[in-house]
Protein backbone atom coordinates (compact mmCIF):
# COMPACT_ATOMS: atom_id res chain seq x y z
CA MET A 1 1.09 12.67 20.84
CA LYS A 2 3.75 13.96 18.55
CA ALA A 3 6.93 12.11 17.72
CA ARG A 4 10.30 13.00 16.34
CA ALA A 5 10.51 10.07 13.99
CA TYR A 6 12.27 9.59 10.68
CA ASP A 7 12.41 7.08 7.88
CA LEU A 8 14.91 6.36 5.14
CA VAL A 9 13.00 5.62 1.93
CA LEU A 10 14.30 4.68 -1.51
CA ASN A 11 11.87 4.56 -4.44
CA GLY A 12 8.96 4.08 -2.07
CA VAL A 13 10.61 1.29 -0.06
CA GLU A 14 11.41 1.91 3.59
CA LEU A 15 15.04 1.03 4.26
CA GLY A 16 15.18 2.14 7.87
CA GLY A 17 13.61 4.22 10.55
CA GLY A 18 14.10 5.62 13.99
CA SER A 19 13.03 8.23 16.49
CA ILE A 20 14.00 10.28 19.49
CA ARG A 21 13.07 8.13 22.48
CA ILE A 22 10.89 9.18 25.40
CA HIS A 23 13.20 10.77 27.94
CA THR A 24 10.91 12.42 30.51
CA PRO A 25 8.86 10.62 33.17
CA GLU A 26 5.80 12.80 32.49
CA VAL A 27 5.59 11.77 28.83
CA GLN A 28 6.20 8.11 29.67
CA LYS A 29 3.40 8.19 32.26
CA ARG A 30 1.05 9.75 29.69
CA VAL A 31 1.85 6.96 27.25
CA PHE A 32 1.15 4.35 29.92
CA ARG A 33 -2.22 6.00 30.64
CA LEU A 34 -3.07 6.01 26.93
CA LEU A 35 -2.24 2.29 26.83
CA GLY A 36 -4.53 1.65 29.78
CA ILE A 37 -1.72 0.90 32.23
CA ASP A 38 -2.55 2.33 35.66
CA GLU A 39 0.10 3.91 37.88
CA GLU A 40 0.45 0.91 40.17
CA SER A 41 0.94 -1.54 37.28
CA ALA A 42 3.36 0.85 35.59
CA SER A 43 5.35 1.10 38.81
CA ILE A 44 5.45 -2.69 39.24
CA LYS A 45 6.32 -3.49 35.61
CA PHE A 46 8.32 -0.43 34.59
CA GLY A 47 9.42 1.18 37.86
CA PHE A 48 13.08 0.82 36.90
CA LEU A 49 12.45 2.91 33.77
CA LEU A 50 10.41 5.59 35.51
CA ASP A 51 13.05 5.84 38.27
CA ALA A 52 15.83 6.17 35.70
CA LEU A 53 13.96 8.90 33.83
CA LYS A 54 13.67 10.93 37.06
CA TYR A 55 17.45 11.35 37.04
CA GLY A 56 17.38 13.14 33.70
CA ALA A 57 17.98 10.80 30.80
CA PRO A 58 19.30 12.85 27.90
CA PRO A 59 17.36 12.93 24.63
CA HIS A 60 18.63 10.04 22.58
CA GLY A 61 17.65 8.34 19.38
CA GLY A 62 18.69 5.82 16.87
CA ILE A 63 17.99 4.34 13.51
CA ALA A 64 17.54 0.75 12.44
CA LEU A 65 18.60 0.14 8.88
CA GLY A 66 17.02 -2.70 6.96
CA VAL A 67 20.15 -4.11 5.35
CA ASP A 68 18.14 -7.15 4.28
CA ARG A 69 15.73 -4.86 2.40
CA MET A 70 18.63 -3.05 0.73
CA VAL A 71 20.18 -6.33 -0.43
CA THR A 72 16.78 -7.51 -1.70
CA LEU A 73 16.50 -4.35 -3.81
CA LEU A 74 20.10 -4.53 -5.05
CA LEU A 75 19.65 -8.15 -6.14
CA GLN A 76 16.22 -7.32 -7.65
CA LEU A 77 14.55 -10.12 -5.68
CA ASP A 78 10.83 -10.32 -4.96
CA ASP A 79 11.00 -11.85 -1.49
CA ILE A 80 13.05 -10.51 1.42
CA ARG A 81 13.30 -14.04 2.83
CA GLU A 82 15.70 -14.86 0.01
CA VAL A 83 18.39 -12.74 1.70
CA ILE A 84 17.71 -13.36 5.40
CA ALA A 85 20.20 -15.82 6.87
CA PHE A 86 17.68 -17.48 9.19
CA PRO A 87 14.22 -16.68 7.82
CA LYS A 88 11.06 -17.35 9.73
CA THR A 89 8.07 -18.92 8.02
CA GLN A 90 4.73 -17.10 7.71
CA LYS A 91 3.80 -18.72 11.05
CA ALA A 92 6.91 -17.15 12.71
CA THR A 93 8.69 -20.48 13.14
CA CYS A 94 12.32 -21.18 12.36
CA LEU A 95 12.96 -24.09 10.05
CA MET A 96 16.54 -24.59 11.28
CA THR A 97 16.00 -24.51 15.05
CA ASN A 98 12.33 -25.44 15.16
CA ALA A 99 11.73 -22.36 17.34
CA PRO A 100 9.59 -21.56 19.10
CA SER A 101 9.78 -24.86 20.91
CA GLU A 102 7.91 -26.11 23.94
CA VAL A 103 8.87 -24.70 27.31
CA GLU A 104 9.55 -26.93 30.29
CA ALA A 105 7.06 -26.84 33.18
CA GLN A 106 9.83 -25.75 35.56
CA GLN A 107 10.54 -22.65 33.45
CA LEU A 108 6.86 -21.72 33.43
CA ASN A 109 6.65 -22.18 37.21
CA GLU A 110 9.69 -19.93 37.75
CA LEU A 111 7.98 -17.17 35.77
CA GLY A 112 4.55 -17.74 37.27
CA ILE A 113 3.04 -18.59 33.88
CA ARG A 114 0.20 -21.06 33.41
CA LEU A 115 -0.77 -22.39 29.98
CA VAL A 116 -4.46 -22.51 29.20
CA GLN A 117 -5.63 -24.82 26.41
């Protein structure tokens, strides 16, 4: 697969990136097949997207700038976590909110999720 993707790089540091999104149902279906998602599963999980693409979504794209990376460079810091307002630890937990936290059994039941230990 080819992509129309772009990056903003300064002195070898990526400051942002983006791409033109998939906007045709045929390409999206090919990606699902490559990911091992059969047509029935794709329809169940992503039918809304495939239906929307049938109506002719225009090519669209975007870019996500890493402002935190830029500030890290400007301040000549070694660790990006020094400039992130609510940094996660290396285990992806939040020290301020203690997230992720445990989920109530009722929430799991609503979503049809069962925890296996």
